[in-house]
Every structure is written in structure tokens, then in C-alpha cells.
Amino acid sequence: MPRPAAEAALQTAMAGLLKTRSLQQLTVGEVARAAGVSRVTFYRYYQDLYDLAGAVCAGEMQRVMGESRPDNWQAGLVRLMQLMRAHRALLGRLRSSGGWAQIERVIRRHAFRQVMAFIGRCPDTGAPEPDRAFTARFYERAISGLILDWAEDGMKEEPEALVGRLSILLTGQLASALNSFAAAAESRAASGGPCRPAPAREIEKGREKDA
């Protein structure tokens, strides 16, 4: 079976089995049989069941986030957190395994893209592109860090409340940061200061490479 087909079959089989069974009740052999592949094929793509379960969860999260509109990132983030709540038990087991890294990458990548989209809708302040990308990376770390901490703390706070506070911060502080960067750029230009390095496209390429 070709690689894409084998991986898709394993993920589909795992997703189906997890609807009626817990992760600790499953075995590699059982998942492989349900997918129509061998154990050898399973280990060719995944380290263990936790790695596969992480891929399944990450895929579902990507699907949900892909459906969110750039102009309504709050709703998309709330849906993501609600999905995480629905899989609370599974995610709790993944946190101490290699599968959790896939969840983190999906959250960080989505947060970065949403912040960049938010910046793109802000009035043009004249902030240089590298500074806009730096601002996006800073807020990406803040947003994804809050979500990951929320998950580790048991997902107690309501998603709507957390996202509401994030929205206030992004609307006020992010715009203020862009204005400050624009003013700093004007000051550098007036004094003949050096140009800024690392355009945003290079930063985005680096993030895609890490994903």
C-alpha cells in the first residue's frame, strides 16, 4: 500500500476504534488489522499508538481550524478549544508522549497564521515587514502558550471567556505595538540607521519547516 494510503488507513482505523475504545485498550496489531496493513507497516510511519493518536487528533484540529474564517478567528479558536475538551481524556494521555508534539505544532502554526491575518486587517501603520512578523511570533507564543497551559490545567475555564480576553489584548496591544514599530522605523530612517533583517516570508518558511 502506498505511503499516503497506508497512513490514511491507519489514521482512519484509529479514529474509528477510539469512538468505542480507550487508547489503553488498543494494541498495535488490532489497529494494523483494522487498517488492512501489517505491524511492520505501522512502525514504518508511527513510533507507537500515542504517536498515531496524536496524528489523528492533530488532523481533526487542522480540519476544524481550516473551516474558521480569517475575519472571525475568535469563533475558530473557541471551536478548537471545544474540540480539545471533547477529547480531554485522550489529550491527557498524549501530553506525556511523543504524540503531544504534533498537537503543539498544530496549535502554534494556527495561532501564527491567525495573528498574521489579524495584522493584515489592521490599518497600515508603516511598520516594517520584519517587525510585523516579529509581533506575530510574539503573540503566537502568547496565544498558543495560554491554550497549552489551559489544557494542562484541566481545561477548566470556558473557551469563550479565555478567547474574549485574548481578543481584547489583540485588538488593543497589537495595534499599539505596530504603531510603536512604525515610529521606531521612522526614527531610524531619519537618523540613517541600519535596515532590519529577516523578512516575514522567511520566518513563515521556518515555521513550516518546523511543522
Protein backbone atom coordinates (compact mmCIF):
# COMPACT_ATOMS: atom_id res chain seq x y z
CA MET A 1 0.00 0.00 0.00
CA PRO A 2 1.48 3.41 -0.96
CA ARG A 3 2.60 5.67 1.91
CA PRO A 4 -0.27 8.21 1.78
CA ALA A 5 -2.83 5.41 1.58
CA ALA A 6 -1.25 3.44 4.44
CA GLU A 7 -1.07 6.47 6.71
CA ALA A 8 -4.63 7.46 5.89
CA ALA A 9 -5.83 3.90 6.54
CA LEU A 10 -4.08 3.78 9.92
CA GLN A 11 -5.48 7.16 10.97
CA THR A 12 -8.99 6.23 9.83
CA ALA A 13 -8.78 2.92 11.70
CA MET A 14 -7.53 4.60 14.88
CA ALA A 15 -10.23 7.28 14.72
CA GLY A 16 -12.90 4.61 14.33
CA LEU A 17 -11.61 2.45 17.17
CA LEU A 18 -11.31 5.42 19.53
CA LYS A 19 -15.04 6.05 19.20
CA THR A 20 -15.79 2.93 21.24
CA ARG A 21 -12.49 2.08 22.95
CA SER A 22 -9.95 3.93 25.03
CA LEU A 23 -6.37 4.24 23.82
CA GLN A 24 -5.02 1.97 26.56
CA GLN A 25 -7.37 -0.81 25.43
CA LEU A 26 -5.95 -0.91 21.91
CA THR A 27 -2.92 -2.76 20.54
CA VAL A 28 -0.75 -2.07 17.52
CA GLY A 29 -1.82 -5.37 15.98
CA GLU A 30 -5.50 -4.55 16.34
CA VAL A 31 -5.12 -1.12 14.74
CA ALA A 32 -2.99 -2.54 11.93
CA ARG A 33 -5.57 -5.24 11.16
CA ALA A 34 -8.39 -2.68 11.12
CA ALA A 35 -6.35 -0.60 8.67
CA GLY A 36 -5.52 -3.60 6.49
CA VAL A 37 -1.77 -3.24 6.94
CA SER A 38 0.95 -5.16 8.78
CA ARG A 39 2.61 -4.30 12.10
CA VAL A 40 5.79 -3.63 10.13
CA THR A 41 3.93 -1.02 8.09
CA PHE A 42 2.55 0.55 11.26
CA TYR A 43 6.03 1.05 12.72
CA ARG A 44 7.26 2.42 9.42
CA TYR A 45 5.13 5.50 9.99
CA TYR A 46 4.48 5.73 13.73
CA GLN A 47 6.55 5.09 16.84
CA ASP A 48 3.61 3.79 18.86
CA LEU A 49 -0.13 4.13 19.39
CA TYR A 50 0.33 7.51 21.07
CA ASP A 51 2.14 8.84 18.01
CA LEU A 52 -0.72 7.69 15.77
CA ALA A 53 -3.37 9.06 18.13
CA GLY A 54 -1.55 12.40 18.13
CA ALA A 55 -1.67 12.44 14.32
CA VAL A 56 -5.41 11.68 14.39
CA CYS A 57 -6.12 14.49 16.87
CA ALA A 58 -3.87 16.93 15.02
CA GLY A 59 -5.66 16.14 11.75
CA GLU A 60 -9.06 16.78 13.29
CA MET A 61 -7.82 20.03 14.81
CA GLN A 62 -6.46 21.15 11.44
CA ARG A 63 -9.83 20.40 9.85
CA VAL A 64 -11.67 22.49 12.42
CA MET A 65 -9.21 25.38 12.13
CA GLY A 66 -9.30 25.20 8.35
CA GLU A 67 -13.03 25.89 8.50
CA SER A 68 -12.56 29.06 10.54
CA ARG A 69 -12.78 32.39 8.72
CA PRO A 70 -9.78 34.75 8.96
CA ASP A 71 -12.13 37.60 9.86
CA ASN A 72 -13.63 35.61 12.76
CA TRP A 73 -10.62 33.96 14.40
CA GLN A 74 -12.34 34.08 17.79
CA ALA A 75 -15.02 31.60 16.70
CA GLY A 76 -12.39 29.32 15.19
CA LEU A 77 -10.34 29.35 18.39
CA VAL A 78 -13.40 28.61 20.51
CA ARG A 79 -14.24 25.64 18.27
CA LEU A 80 -10.67 24.37 18.60
CA MET A 81 -10.81 24.54 22.39
CA GLN A 82 -14.23 22.87 22.43
CA LEU A 83 -12.80 20.06 20.31
CA MET A 84 -9.91 19.69 22.76
CA ARG A 85 -12.41 19.47 25.59
CA ALA A 86 -14.32 16.75 23.77
CA HIS A 87 -11.09 14.73 23.62
CA ARG A 88 -9.93 15.69 27.10
CA ALA A 89 -9.14 12.14 28.25
CA LEU A 90 -7.19 11.25 25.12
CA LEU A 91 -5.24 14.51 25.10
CA GLY A 92 -4.41 13.99 28.76
CA ARG A 93 -2.70 10.71 27.88
CA LEU A 94 -0.95 12.25 24.90
CA ARG A 95 0.62 15.05 26.97
CA SER A 96 3.27 12.71 28.33
CA SER A 97 4.00 11.06 24.96
CA GLY A 98 5.56 11.90 21.64
CA GLY A 99 2.11 12.42 20.16
CA TRP A 100 1.71 15.69 22.09
CA ALA A 101 4.37 17.38 19.94
CA GLN A 102 2.03 17.13 16.95
CA ILE A 103 -0.72 18.87 18.91
CA GLU A 104 1.62 21.67 19.90
CA ARG A 105 2.79 22.24 16.33
CA VAL A 106 -0.78 22.48 15.04
CA ILE A 107 -1.76 24.99 17.74
CA ARG A 108 1.34 27.15 17.23
CA ARG A 109 1.03 27.15 13.42
CA HIS A 110 -2.65 28.10 13.59
CA ALA A 111 -2.03 30.85 16.14
CA PHE A 112 0.72 32.37 13.97
CA ARG A 113 -1.44 32.39 10.85
CA GLN A 114 -4.38 33.90 12.70
CA VAL A 115 -2.26 36.68 14.18
CA MET A 116 -0.73 37.43 10.76
CA ALA A 117 -4.24 37.59 9.31
CA PHE A 118 -5.28 39.94 12.12
CA ILE A 119 -2.27 42.17 11.44
CA GLY A 120 -3.16 42.18 7.76
CA ARG A 121 -6.57 43.64 8.59
CA CYS A 122 -5.13 46.39 10.81
CA PRO A 123 -4.74 49.89 9.31
CA ASP A 124 -1.35 50.27 7.68
CA THR A 125 0.87 51.90 10.27
CA GLY A 126 4.01 51.75 8.18
CA ALA A 127 5.61 49.14 10.46
CA PRO A 128 8.33 47.24 8.52
CA GLU A 129 7.51 43.70 7.46
CA PRO A 130 10.13 42.08 9.76
CA ASP A 131 8.63 43.92 12.74
CA ARG A 132 5.14 42.81 11.77
CA ALA A 133 6.36 39.20 11.62
CA PHE A 134 8.15 39.60 14.95
CA THR A 135 4.94 40.89 16.50
CA ALA A 136 3.03 37.92 15.07
CA ARG A 137 5.54 35.47 16.52
CA PHE A 138 5.35 37.14 19.94
CA TYR A 139 1.57 36.93 20.07
CA GLU A 140 1.60 33.43 18.59
CA ARG A 141 3.70 32.33 21.56
CA ALA A 142 1.36 34.08 23.96
CA ILE A 143 -1.80 32.59 22.43
CA SER A 144 -0.52 29.06 21.96
CA GLY A 145 1.10 29.12 25.40
CA LEU A 146 -2.20 30.09 27.02
CA ILE A 147 -4.06 27.33 25.19
CA LEU A 148 -1.46 24.71 26.12
CA ASP A 149 -1.47 25.87 29.75
CA TRP A 150 -5.27 25.75 29.71
CA ALA A 151 -5.11 22.15 28.51
CA GLU A 152 -2.53 21.19 31.14
CA ASP A 153 -4.62 22.78 33.90
CA GLY A 154 -7.62 20.62 33.04
CA MET A 155 -9.45 22.93 30.59
CA LYS A 156 -11.49 24.44 33.41
CA GLU A 157 -12.01 27.96 32.07
CA GLU A 158 -14.74 28.36 29.48
CA PRO A 159 -13.24 28.76 25.97
CA GLU A 160 -15.43 31.79 25.26
CA ALA A 161 -14.11 33.60 28.34
CA LEU A 162 -10.46 32.93 27.52
CA VAL A 163 -10.83 33.85 23.86
CA GLY A 164 -12.73 37.01 24.85
CA ARG A 165 -9.78 38.22 26.92
CA LEU A 166 -7.37 37.33 24.13
CA SER A 167 -9.46 39.36 21.72
CA ILE A 168 -9.19 42.43 23.95
CA LEU A 169 -5.40 42.08 24.11
CA LEU A 170 -5.01 41.60 20.38
CA THR A 171 -7.29 44.48 19.47
CA GLY A 172 -5.53 46.97 21.75
CA GLN A 173 -1.95 45.97 22.40
CA LEU A 174 -1.16 44.52 18.99
CA ALA A 175 -2.22 47.69 17.19
CA SER A 176 -0.22 49.73 19.69
CA ALA A 177 2.86 47.58 19.08
CA LEU A 178 2.61 48.09 15.32
CA ASN A 179 2.36 51.86 15.83
CA SER A 180 5.46 51.77 18.04
CA PHE A 181 7.41 49.79 15.45
CA ALA A 182 6.35 52.25 12.75
CA ALA A 183 7.54 55.18 14.87
CA ALA A 184 10.84 53.41 15.55
CA ALA A 185 11.31 52.78 11.83
CA GLU A 186 10.72 56.44 11.05
CA SER A 187 13.25 57.39 13.71
CA ARG A 188 15.84 55.01 12.28
CA ALA A 189 15.23 56.31 8.78
CA ALA A 190 15.63 59.91 9.93
CA SER A 191 18.91 59.13 11.67
CA GLY A 192 20.22 56.94 8.86
CA GLY A 193 20.08 53.76 10.97
CA PRO A 194 20.56 50.23 9.61
CA CYS A 195 17.86 48.28 7.82
CA ARG A 196 16.05 45.44 9.58
CA PRO A 197 16.75 41.81 8.53
CA ALA A 198 14.64 38.64 8.12
CA PRO A 199 11.50 39.34 6.08
CA ALA A 200 8.25 37.74 7.24
CA ARG A 201 8.21 35.22 4.40
CA GLU A 202 11.48 33.72 5.70
CA ILE A 203 10.04 33.43 9.19
CA GLU A 204 6.93 31.71 7.81
CA LYS A 205 9.12 29.31 5.83
CA GLY A 206 10.99 28.48 9.02
CA ARG A 207 7.77 27.75 10.85
CA GLU A 208 6.54 25.49 8.04
CA LYS A 209 9.86 23.66 8.13
CA ASP A 210 9.47 23.01 11.87
CA ALA A 211 5.91 21.74 11.38
